C-alpha atoms as a PDB file:
ATOM      1  CA  UNK A   1       2.022   0.309  15.534  1.00  0.00           C
ATOM      2  CA  UNK A   2       0.780   0.765  18.723  1.00  0.00           C
ATOM      3  CA  UNK A   3      -1.035   3.763  20.398  1.00  0.00           C
ATOM      4  CA  UNK A   4       1.749   3.981  23.186  1.00  0.00           C
ATOM      5  CA  UNK A   5       4.521   3.861  20.618  1.00  0.00           C
ATOM      6  CA  UNK A   6       3.334   6.738  18.933  1.00  0.00           C
ATOM      7  CA  UNK A   7       3.131   8.803  22.058  1.00  0.00           C
ATOM      8  CA  UNK A   8       6.811   7.974  22.714  1.00  0.00           C
ATOM      9  CA  UNK A   9       7.464   8.677  18.995  1.00  0.00           C
ATOM     10  CA  UNK A  10       5.969  12.206  19.243  1.00  0.00           C
ATOM     11  CA  UNK A  11       8.076  12.754  22.440  1.00  0.00           C
ATOM     12  CA  UNK A  12      11.257  11.771  20.557  1.00  0.00           C
ATOM     13  CA  UNK A  13      10.272  14.172  17.611  1.00  0.00           C
ATOM     14  CA  UNK A  14       9.822  17.062  19.978  1.00  0.00           C
ATOM     15  CA  UNK A  15      13.106  16.509  21.729  1.00  0.00           C
ATOM     16  CA  UNK A  16      14.770  16.158  18.369  1.00  0.00           C
ATOM     17  CA  UNK A  17      12.906  19.414  17.046  1.00  0.00           C
ATOM     18  CA  UNK A  18      11.296  17.535  13.853  1.00  0.00           C
ATOM     19  CA  UNK A  19       8.546  19.943  13.316  1.00  0.00           C
ATOM     20  CA  UNK A  20       6.838  18.367  10.487  1.00  0.00           C
ATOM     21  CA  UNK A  21       7.008  14.916  12.193  1.00  0.00           C
ATOM     22  CA  UNK A  22       5.648  16.468  15.578  1.00  0.00           C
ATOM     23  CA  UNK A  23       2.850  18.098  13.675  1.00  0.00           C
ATOM     24  CA  UNK A  24       1.946  14.757  12.071  1.00  0.00           C
ATOM     25  CA  UNK A  25       2.088  12.700  15.222  1.00  0.00           C
ATOM     26  CA  UNK A  26       0.326  15.549  17.259  1.00  0.00           C
ATOM     27  CA  UNK A  27      -2.449  15.267  14.692  1.00  0.00           C
ATOM     28  CA  UNK A  28      -2.533  11.411  14.765  1.00  0.00           C
ATOM     29  CA  UNK A  29      -2.851  11.406  18.670  1.00  0.00           C
ATOM     30  CA  UNK A  30      -5.927  13.892  18.243  1.00  0.00           C
ATOM     31  CA  UNK A  31      -7.401  11.450  15.627  1.00  0.00           C
ATOM     32  CA  UNK A  32      -7.036   8.685  18.073  1.00  0.00           C
ATOM     33  CA  UNK A  33      -8.584  10.888  20.994  1.00  0.00           C
ATOM     34  CA  UNK A  34     -11.355  11.619  18.615  1.00  0.00           C
ATOM     35  CA  UNK A  35     -11.808   7.959  17.610  1.00  0.00           C
ATOM     36  CA  UNK A  36     -12.066   7.168  21.509  1.00  0.00           C
ATOM     37  CA  UNK A  37     -14.570   9.594  22.294  1.00  0.00           C
ATOM     38  CA  UNK A  38     -16.577   8.627  19.370  1.00  0.00           C
ATOM     39  CA  UNK A  39     -16.651   4.845  20.637  1.00  0.00           C
ATOM     40  CA  UNK A  40     -17.776   6.335  24.108  1.00  0.00           C
ATOM     41  CA  UNK A  41     -14.553   5.716  25.995  1.00  0.00           C
ATOM     42  CA  UNK A  42     -12.461   7.855  27.690  1.00  0.00           C
ATOM     43  CA  UNK A  43      -9.946  10.359  26.000  1.00  0.00           C
ATOM     44  CA  UNK A  44      -6.870   8.632  28.144  1.00  0.00           C
ATOM     45  CA  UNK A  45      -7.731   5.275  27.029  1.00  0.00           C
ATOM     46  CA  UNK A  46      -5.622   3.300  24.522  1.00  0.00           C
ATOM     47  CA  UNK A  47      -6.814   2.007  20.937  1.00  0.00           C
ATOM     48  CA  UNK A  48      -6.460  -1.202  20.027  1.00  0.00           C
ATOM     49  CA  UNK A  49      -4.040  -2.008  17.289  1.00  0.00           C
ATOM     50  CA  UNK A  50      -6.503  -2.621  14.489  1.00  0.00           C
ATOM     51  CA  UNK A  51      -8.227   0.819  15.266  1.00  0.00           C
ATOM     52  CA  UNK A  52      -4.849   2.531  15.247  1.00  0.00           C
ATOM     53  CA  UNK A  53      -4.407   1.258  11.758  1.00  0.00           C
ATOM     54  CA  UNK A  54      -7.753   2.324  10.644  1.00  0.00           C
ATOM     55  CA  UNK A  55      -7.190   5.984  12.315  1.00  0.00           C
ATOM     56  CA  UNK A  56      -3.610   6.148  10.561  1.00  0.00           C
ATOM     57  CA  UNK A  57      -5.170   4.843   7.207  1.00  0.00           C
ATOM     58  CA  UNK A  58      -7.860   7.673   7.364  1.00  0.00           C
ATOM     59  CA  UNK A  59      -5.220  10.317   7.914  1.00  0.00           C
ATOM     60  CA  UNK A  60      -3.110   9.130   5.168  1.00  0.00           C
ATOM     61  CA  UNK A  61      -6.179   9.257   2.836  1.00  0.00           C
ATOM     62  CA  UNK A  62      -6.626  12.969   3.711  1.00  0.00           C
ATOM     63  CA  UNK A  63      -3.142  13.756   2.703  1.00  0.00           C
ATOM     64  CA  UNK A  64      -3.662  11.960  -0.578  1.00  0.00           C
ATOM     65  CA  UNK A  65      -6.801  14.070  -1.212  1.00  0.00           C
ATOM     66  CA  UNK A  66      -5.164  17.076  -0.302  1.00  0.00           C
ATOM     67  CA  UNK A  67      -2.164  16.597  -2.452  1.00  0.00           C
ATOM     68  CA  UNK A  68      -4.490  15.920  -5.299  1.00  0.00           C
ATOM     69  CA  UNK A  69      -6.659  19.106  -4.581  1.00  0.00           C
ATOM     70  CA  UNK A  70      -3.375  21.361  -4.009  1.00  0.00           C
ATOM     71  CA  UNK A  71      -1.682  19.808  -7.459  1.00  0.00           C
ATOM     72  CA  UNK A  72      -4.986  21.089  -9.253  1.00  0.00           C
ATOM     73  CA  UNK A  73      -5.131  24.333  -7.482  1.00  0.00           C
ATOM     74  CA  UNK A  74      -1.492  24.990  -8.652  1.00  0.00           C
ATOM     75  CA  UNK A  75      -0.206  25.243  -5.064  1.00  0.00           C
ATOM     76  CA  UNK A  76       3.065  22.997  -5.299  1.00  0.00           C
ATOM     77  CA  UNK A  77       4.343  24.218  -1.877  1.00  0.00           C
ATOM     78  CA  UNK A  78       1.392  23.071  -0.005  1.00  0.00           C
ATOM     79  CA  UNK A  79       1.394  19.767  -1.909  1.00  0.00           C
ATOM     80  CA  UNK A  80       4.887  19.216  -0.929  1.00  0.00           C
ATOM     81  CA  UNK A  81       4.130  19.674   2.791  1.00  0.00           C
ATOM     82  CA  UNK A  82       1.150  17.140   2.333  1.00  0.00           C
ATOM     83  CA  UNK A  83       3.608  14.534   0.665  1.00  0.00           C
ATOM     84  CA  UNK A  84       6.050  14.837   3.543  1.00  0.00           C
ATOM     85  CA  UNK A  85       3.389  14.525   6.105  1.00  0.00           C
ATOM     86  CA  UNK A  86       2.084  11.533   4.025  1.00  0.00           C
ATOM     87  CA  UNK A  87       5.643   9.780   4.105  1.00  0.00           C
ATOM     88  CA  UNK A  88       5.807  10.041   7.857  1.00  0.00           C
ATOM     89  CA  UNK A  89       2.282   8.528   8.095  1.00  0.00           C
ATOM     90  CA  UNK A  90       3.051   5.564   5.711  1.00  0.00           C
ATOM     91  CA  UNK A  91       5.905   4.521   7.950  1.00  0.00           C
ATOM     92  CA  UNK A  92       3.340   3.663  10.703  1.00  0.00           C
ATOM     93  CA  UNK A  93       1.419   1.527   8.107  1.00  0.00           C
ATOM     94  CA  UNK A  94       1.837  -2.029   7.180  1.00  0.00           C
ATOM     95  CA  UNK A  95       3.770  -2.575   3.985  1.00  0.00           C
ATOM     96  CA  UNK A  96       1.308  -2.042   1.038  1.00  0.00           C
ATOM     97  CA  UNK A  97       0.366  -5.237  -1.385  1.00  0.00           C
ATOM     98  CA  UNK A  98       1.296  -5.279  -4.791  1.00  0.00           C
ATOM     99  CA  UNK A  99      -1.674  -5.306  -7.441  1.00  0.00           C
ATOM    100  CA  UNK A 100      -0.873  -8.929  -8.115  1.00  0.00           C
ATOM    101  CA  UNK A 101      -1.178  -9.801  -4.413  1.00  0.00           C
ATOM    102  CA  UNK A 102      -4.495  -7.881  -4.503  1.00  0.00           C
ATOM    103  CA  UNK A 103      -5.532  -9.785  -7.670  1.00  0.00           C
ATOM    104  CA  UNK A 104      -4.942 -13.019  -5.813  1.00  0.00           C
ATOM    105  CA  UNK A 105      -7.153 -12.226  -2.824  1.00  0.00           C
ATOM    106  CA  UNK A 106      -9.862 -10.610  -5.141  1.00  0.00           C
ATOM    107  CA  UNK A 107      -9.827 -13.914  -7.300  1.00  0.00           C
ATOM    108  CA  UNK A 108      -9.921 -16.206  -4.162  1.00  0.00           C
ATOM    109  CA  UNK A 109     -12.790 -14.142  -2.548  1.00  0.00           C
ATOM    110  CA  UNK A 110     -14.623 -13.972  -5.860  1.00  0.00           C
ATOM    111  CA  UNK A 111     -14.517 -17.883  -5.958  1.00  0.00           C
ATOM    112  CA  UNK A 112     -15.225 -18.271  -2.169  1.00  0.00           C
ATOM    113  CA  UNK A 113     -18.227 -15.917  -2.391  1.00  0.00           C
ATOM    114  CA  UNK A 114     -19.332 -17.240  -6.034  1.00  0.00           C
ATOM    115  CA  UNK A 115     -19.698 -13.863  -7.223  1.00  0.00           C
ATOM    116  CA  UNK A 116     -19.963 -13.707 -11.044  1.00  0.00           C
ATOM    117  CA  UNK A 117     -21.312 -10.189 -12.112  1.00  0.00           C
ATOM    118  CA  UNK A 118     -20.932  -6.319 -11.092  1.00  0.00           C
ATOM    119  CA  UNK A 119     -24.174  -6.449  -9.102  1.00  0.00           C
ATOM    120  CA  UNK A 120     -22.581  -7.746  -6.072  1.00  0.00           C
ATOM    121  CA  UNK A 121     -19.121  -5.914  -6.343  1.00  0.00           C
ATOM    122  CA  UNK A 122     -19.683  -3.990  -2.938  1.00  0.00           C
ATOM    123  CA  UNK A 123     -20.049  -7.329  -1.384  1.00  0.00           C
ATOM    124  CA  UNK A 124     -16.720  -8.630  -2.898  1.00  0.00           C
ATOM    125  CA  UNK A 125     -14.941  -5.128  -2.176  1.00  0.00           C
ATOM    126  CA  UNK A 126     -15.807  -5.136   1.309  1.00  0.00           C
ATOM    127  CA  UNK A 127     -14.851  -9.091   1.856  1.00  0.00           C
ATOM    128  CA  UNK A 128     -11.339  -7.942  -0.037  1.00  0.00           C
ATOM    129  CA  UNK A 129     -10.847  -5.074   2.303  1.00  0.00           C
ATOM    130  CA  UNK A 130     -11.791  -6.905   5.428  1.00  0.00           C
ATOM    131  CA  UNK A 131      -9.065  -9.626   4.269  1.00  0.00           C
ATOM    132  CA  UNK A 132      -6.146  -7.077   3.485  1.00  0.00           C
ATOM    133  CA  UNK A 133      -6.948  -5.374   6.750  1.00  0.00           C
ATOM    134  CA  UNK A 134      -4.916  -1.823   5.737  1.00  0.00           C
ATOM    135  CA  UNK A 135      -2.379  -3.224   3.691  1.00  0.00           C
ATOM    136  CA  UNK A 136      -3.959  -2.225   0.445  1.00  0.00           C
ATOM    137  CA  UNK A 137      -5.626   0.958  -0.708  1.00  0.00           C
ATOM    138  CA  UNK A 138      -9.333   0.635  -1.296  1.00  0.00           C
ATOM    139  CA  UNK A 139      -9.086   2.687  -4.726  1.00  0.00           C
ATOM    140  CA  UNK A 140      -6.627  -0.039  -5.694  1.00  0.00           C
ATOM    141  CA  UNK A 141      -8.771  -2.812  -4.529  1.00  0.00           C
ATOM    142  CA  UNK A 142     -11.902  -1.414  -6.396  1.00  0.00           C
ATOM    143  CA  UNK A 143     -10.150  -1.052  -9.687  1.00  0.00           C
ATOM    144  CA  UNK A 144      -8.732  -4.832  -9.472  1.00  0.00           C
ATOM    145  CA  UNK A 145     -12.280  -5.936  -8.653  1.00  0.00           C
ATOM    146  CA  UNK A 146     -13.745  -3.763 -11.483  1.00  0.00           C
ATOM    147  CA  UNK A 147     -11.202  -5.322 -14.033  1.00  0.00           C
ATOM    148  CA  UNK A 148     -11.931  -8.924 -12.785  1.00  0.00           C
ATOM    149  CA  UNK A 149     -15.865  -8.449 -13.287  1.00  0.00           C
ATOM    150  CA  UNK A 150     -15.697  -7.217 -16.753  1.00  0.00           C
END
């Protein structure tokens, strides 16, 4: 999903009065601007597709954390709102890999890097995350790596 496409989507959400979607897309565009400024670029510049993907993934992870916290805090109405926002964000992310697909990538990287024990687990997770590029959640990758290094 490209930066400009999300800007157009926000205009569409504004016209069709989709409040939750509009709120999420505004937040996303704000996060894009913050990312640009952090990289020393002008706020009106456009992010590359990989950077857009990273920002969307980061925002989705924030929603997942919030859902967990609101559920623990017995605030289901707030958790429901976060779930709706997460659903909208997930539409802009690539389709997530299954556990089997992740396992296959982990096994290939493990063999390629010659990793046999847990001491190099961080290196393996980093290599796998680079390979899957946003198509798998970091916690899923970590659990698959842990299961294969035991």
